[in-house]
Structures are given as C-alpha cells and as structure tokens.
Protein backbone atom coordinates (compact mmCIF):
# COMPACT_ATOMS: atom_id res chain seq x y z
CA UNK A 1 5.27 22.57 17.91
CA UNK A 2 4.17 25.85 16.41
CA UNK A 3 1.96 25.45 13.35
CA UNK A 4 4.14 25.67 10.23
CA UNK A 5 3.40 28.13 7.46
CA UNK A 6 2.53 26.00 4.45
CA UNK A 7 1.80 27.91 1.26
CA UNK A 8 2.35 27.49 -2.45
CA UNK A 9 1.11 30.16 -4.81
CA UNK A 10 -2.54 30.79 -3.85
CA UNK A 11 -2.95 27.63 -1.72
CA UNK A 12 -2.39 27.63 2.04
CA UNK A 13 -2.62 24.73 4.48
CA UNK A 14 -3.57 25.75 7.99
CA UNK A 15 -5.40 24.23 10.93
CA UNK A 16 -9.13 24.75 10.33
CA UNK A 17 -10.91 27.17 12.64
CA UNK A 18 -14.41 26.99 14.08
CA UNK A 19 -15.24 29.91 11.79
CA UNK A 20 -14.73 27.42 8.89
CA UNK A 21 -17.38 25.00 10.19
CA UNK A 22 -20.22 26.19 7.95
CA UNK A 23 -18.06 26.10 4.83
CA UNK A 24 -16.69 22.70 5.82
CA UNK A 25 -20.16 21.25 6.38
CA UNK A 26 -21.49 22.74 3.16
CA UNK A 27 -18.63 21.44 0.99
CA UNK A 28 -18.34 18.05 2.70
CA UNK A 29 -22.06 17.30 2.45
CA UNK A 30 -21.64 16.11 -1.12
CA UNK A 31 -22.12 12.43 -1.97
CA UNK A 32 -19.54 12.74 -4.77
CA UNK A 33 -16.93 13.50 -2.10
CA UNK A 34 -18.16 10.77 0.23
CA UNK A 35 -18.03 8.25 -2.65
CA UNK A 36 -14.24 8.63 -2.74
CA UNK A 37 -13.57 8.53 1.00
CA UNK A 38 -13.70 5.86 3.66
CA UNK A 39 -17.02 5.20 5.31
CA UNK A 40 -16.04 6.79 8.63
CA UNK A 41 -16.44 10.13 6.84
CA UNK A 42 -20.06 11.02 7.68
CA UNK A 43 -22.77 11.35 5.06
CA UNK A 44 -24.79 13.40 5.25
CA UNK A 45 -22.19 15.75 6.71
CA UNK A 46 -23.71 18.12 9.26
CA UNK A 47 -22.57 21.31 10.97
CA UNK A 48 -22.05 19.37 14.22
CA UNK A 49 -19.74 16.95 12.34
CA UNK A 50 -17.69 19.92 11.13
CA UNK A 51 -17.44 21.47 14.59
CA UNK A 52 -16.44 18.18 16.22
CA UNK A 53 -13.81 17.54 13.53
CA UNK A 54 -12.31 21.03 13.91
CA UNK A 55 -12.19 20.74 17.70
CA UNK A 56 -10.50 17.33 17.45
CA UNK A 57 -7.78 18.38 15.00
CA UNK A 58 -7.07 21.53 17.03
CA UNK A 59 -5.60 19.21 19.70
CA UNK A 60 -2.94 17.76 17.38
CA UNK A 61 0.68 18.54 18.22
CA UNK A 62 2.34 18.43 15.81
CA UNK A 63 -0.53 19.01 13.40
CA UNK A 64 -1.28 16.28 10.86
CA UNK A 65 -4.58 17.55 9.44
CA UNK A 66 -5.02 20.90 7.71
CA UNK A 67 -7.66 22.96 6.04
CA UNK A 68 -6.95 23.72 2.40
CA UNK A 69 -7.47 27.40 1.66
CA UNK A 70 -7.59 28.73 -1.88
CA UNK A 71 -7.45 32.49 -2.34
CA UNK A 72 -8.21 32.74 1.41
CA UNK A 73 -11.39 30.64 1.12
CA UNK A 74 -11.83 27.30 2.86
CA UNK A 75 -11.76 24.67 0.07
CA UNK A 76 -11.20 21.25 1.69
CA UNK A 77 -9.06 19.10 3.97
CA UNK A 78 -5.67 17.40 3.63
CA UNK A 79 -4.07 15.21 6.25
CA UNK A 80 -1.59 12.54 7.18
CA UNK A 81 -2.26 9.37 9.14
CA UNK A 82 0.56 7.89 11.19
CA UNK A 83 1.23 4.23 10.53
CA UNK A 84 1.85 1.67 13.29
CA UNK A 85 4.66 -0.67 14.25
CA UNK A 86 7.28 -1.35 11.54
CA UNK A 87 5.55 1.25 9.31
CA UNK A 88 6.16 4.07 11.79
CA UNK A 89 8.33 6.05 9.33
CA UNK A 90 5.46 6.06 6.81
CA UNK A 91 2.36 8.21 6.59
CA UNK A 92 -0.85 7.80 4.65
CA UNK A 93 -2.02 10.97 2.93
CA UNK A 94 -5.63 11.86 2.31
CA UNK A 95 -7.37 14.90 0.90
CA UNK A 96 -10.59 16.18 -0.54
CA UNK A 97 -11.77 19.43 -2.12
CA UNK A 98 -15.24 20.90 -2.41
CA UNK A 99 -16.67 20.76 -5.92
CA UNK A 100 -16.30 24.51 -6.66
CA UNK A 101 -12.52 24.03 -6.34
CA UNK A 102 -12.08 21.02 -8.63
CA UNK A 103 -9.90 21.23 -11.73
CA UNK A 104 -7.74 24.16 -10.60
CA UNK A 105 -4.60 22.29 -9.48
CA UNK A 106 -5.37 23.09 -5.83
CA UNK A 107 -5.20 19.50 -4.63
CA UNK A 108 -1.84 18.95 -6.33
CA UNK A 109 -0.39 22.01 -4.60
CA UNK A 110 -1.87 20.90 -1.28
CA UNK A 111 -0.37 17.41 -1.64
CA UNK A 112 3.04 18.89 -2.49
CA UNK A 113 2.88 21.13 0.60
CA UNK A 114 1.83 18.29 2.87
CA UNK A 115 4.47 15.86 1.61
CA UNK A 116 7.22 18.46 2.06
CA UNK A 117 5.97 19.10 5.59
CA UNK A 118 5.91 15.38 6.41
CA UNK A 119 9.44 14.81 5.14
CA UNK A 120 10.87 17.88 6.86
CA UNK A 121 9.03 17.92 10.21
CA UNK A 122 7.45 14.54 10.91
CA UNK A 123 10.38 12.12 10.64
CA UNK A 124 8.72 10.49 7.66
CA UNK A 125 10.46 8.54 4.89
CA UNK A 126 7.50 7.32 2.83
CA UNK A 127 4.01 8.60 2.06
CA UNK A 128 1.37 6.45 0.44
CA UNK A 129 -2.22 6.84 -0.69
CA UNK A 130 -4.92 4.48 -1.85
CA UNK A 131 -7.30 5.79 -4.50
CA UNK A 132 -10.57 4.11 -5.45
CA UNK A 133 -10.76 3.01 -9.08
CA UNK A 134 -13.61 5.41 -9.87
CA UNK A 135 -11.48 8.47 -9.01
CA UNK A 136 -9.02 9.14 -11.86
CA UNK A 137 -8.83 12.83 -10.89
CA UNK A 138 -7.21 11.91 -7.57
CA UNK A 139 -4.77 9.59 -9.35
CA UNK A 140 -3.78 12.53 -11.55
CA UNK A 141 -3.28 14.73 -8.45
CA UNK A 142 -0.82 12.22 -6.99
CA UNK A 143 1.02 11.73 -10.28
CA UNK A 144 1.34 15.51 -10.71
CA UNK A 145 2.71 15.72 -7.15
CA UNK A 146 5.47 13.21 -7.95
CA UNK A 147 3.89 10.01 -6.59
CA UNK A 148 4.40 6.69 -8.38
CA UNK A 149 1.73 4.03 -8.79
CA UNK A 150 2.96 0.93 -6.99
CA UNK A 151 0.10 -1.37 -7.82
CA UNK A 152 -3.59 -2.09 -7.95
CA UNK A 153 -5.34 -4.03 -5.19
CA UNK A 154 -8.16 -5.82 -7.01
CA UNK A 155 -11.61 -5.56 -5.42
CA UNK A 156 -10.05 -4.32 -2.16
CA UNK A 157 -12.73 -1.74 -1.42
CA UNK A 158 -16.38 -2.38 -0.59
CA UNK A 159 -18.24 0.89 -1.14
CA UNK A 160 -21.82 1.65 -2.21
CA UNK A 161 -22.66 -2.09 -2.28
CA UNK A 162 -19.96 -2.82 -4.83
CA UNK A 163 -16.32 -3.88 -5.01
CA UNK A 164 -13.81 -1.36 -6.30
CA UNK A 165 -10.11 -1.64 -7.01
CA UNK A 166 -7.70 0.46 -4.98
CA UNK A 167 -4.77 2.07 -6.79
CA UNK A 168 -1.82 2.48 -4.43
CA UNK A 169 0.58 5.39 -4.89
CA UNK A 170 3.70 6.28 -2.93
CA UNK A 171 6.43 8.89 -2.66
CA UNK A 172 9.78 8.28 -0.98
CA UNK A 173 11.68 11.08 0.75
CA UNK A 174 14.24 12.52 -1.68
C-alpha cells in the first residue's frame, strides 16, 4: 500500500525518516513523556533507539505508525496497534508529542487524522486508548477528537513504583 497523505491544517502524519532521528531522540528523551507511556518505551531515549524505531516502522505495509509533523517540523509519534483474535476489528491508538509542541491542538489533529485513516483504510470498526490518571491533557485530546470515556480501570497501571488508574476511551466507526 502506498503511504496515504494525512494532513489537517498545519499537521501532517507521515512515516518518519532517518533524517528525523536526532529530533526524535531529543524530544523522546524526556521523562515527562516516558511517565505517560508504557515501559517498553526506552528511557533514557538515545539516538540508536530512534534509528532502530524508524527502521522498524519503515517496514510496515500498510503503515500503522507515523511521525507527527507540525509546520514541517518533527513533533512526535502517533500509531495504531492491531488487536488479536476476536478484537481484530479494533485498534489501540497511542501518541506523544515533544514538550515544545504541547498545548497547540496538534495531538488532537493527529488523533483525528489517524482515526480517519484507520476507519477508511485498515478495516477497523473501533479504536480505543488507555490514559494514565496523571495525564489529563491526553484525556482532553481524546475528548476533543470525539472519543468517549468508557470507564476507569482502578490501579491497573504500575508505573514509577506506584499504582495509577487507567482511563479507557473509545471511538466507534461512524
């Protein structure tokens, strides 16, 4: 599948390039970002991590993981995870932005682009996302993108030697 053109206003989703590796490593090497992601996301985040990630996602066909570009600058990552077995028509969405790009509505536009792509091209009927309780900004992103909170999983996350609640959001294909 040819990479789709995903853009909304000044936000573009595109497969990250090796030329983005330094920006990716610089933005991702922020504990505030790591605090809101699963532990398989490296911290500290090194240039080699960025290169390996970019080389891995370049193999995807169709693509599920994209760089978020704001005003032509690499700003973060957004992606979809396929779900197994009876959940095969669902995807889990994830995203993060580097701190210089927070509070500009970029993540909301990226989530809208990615959900439209999933519904149109990936045979997806439902997209969900779990957000850690200490991340109200991400909850707002999902709400602004049309997601509905389905529930709260109490003490479902063990992160930074503490239990956190996970707020579960979902969007059904229109």
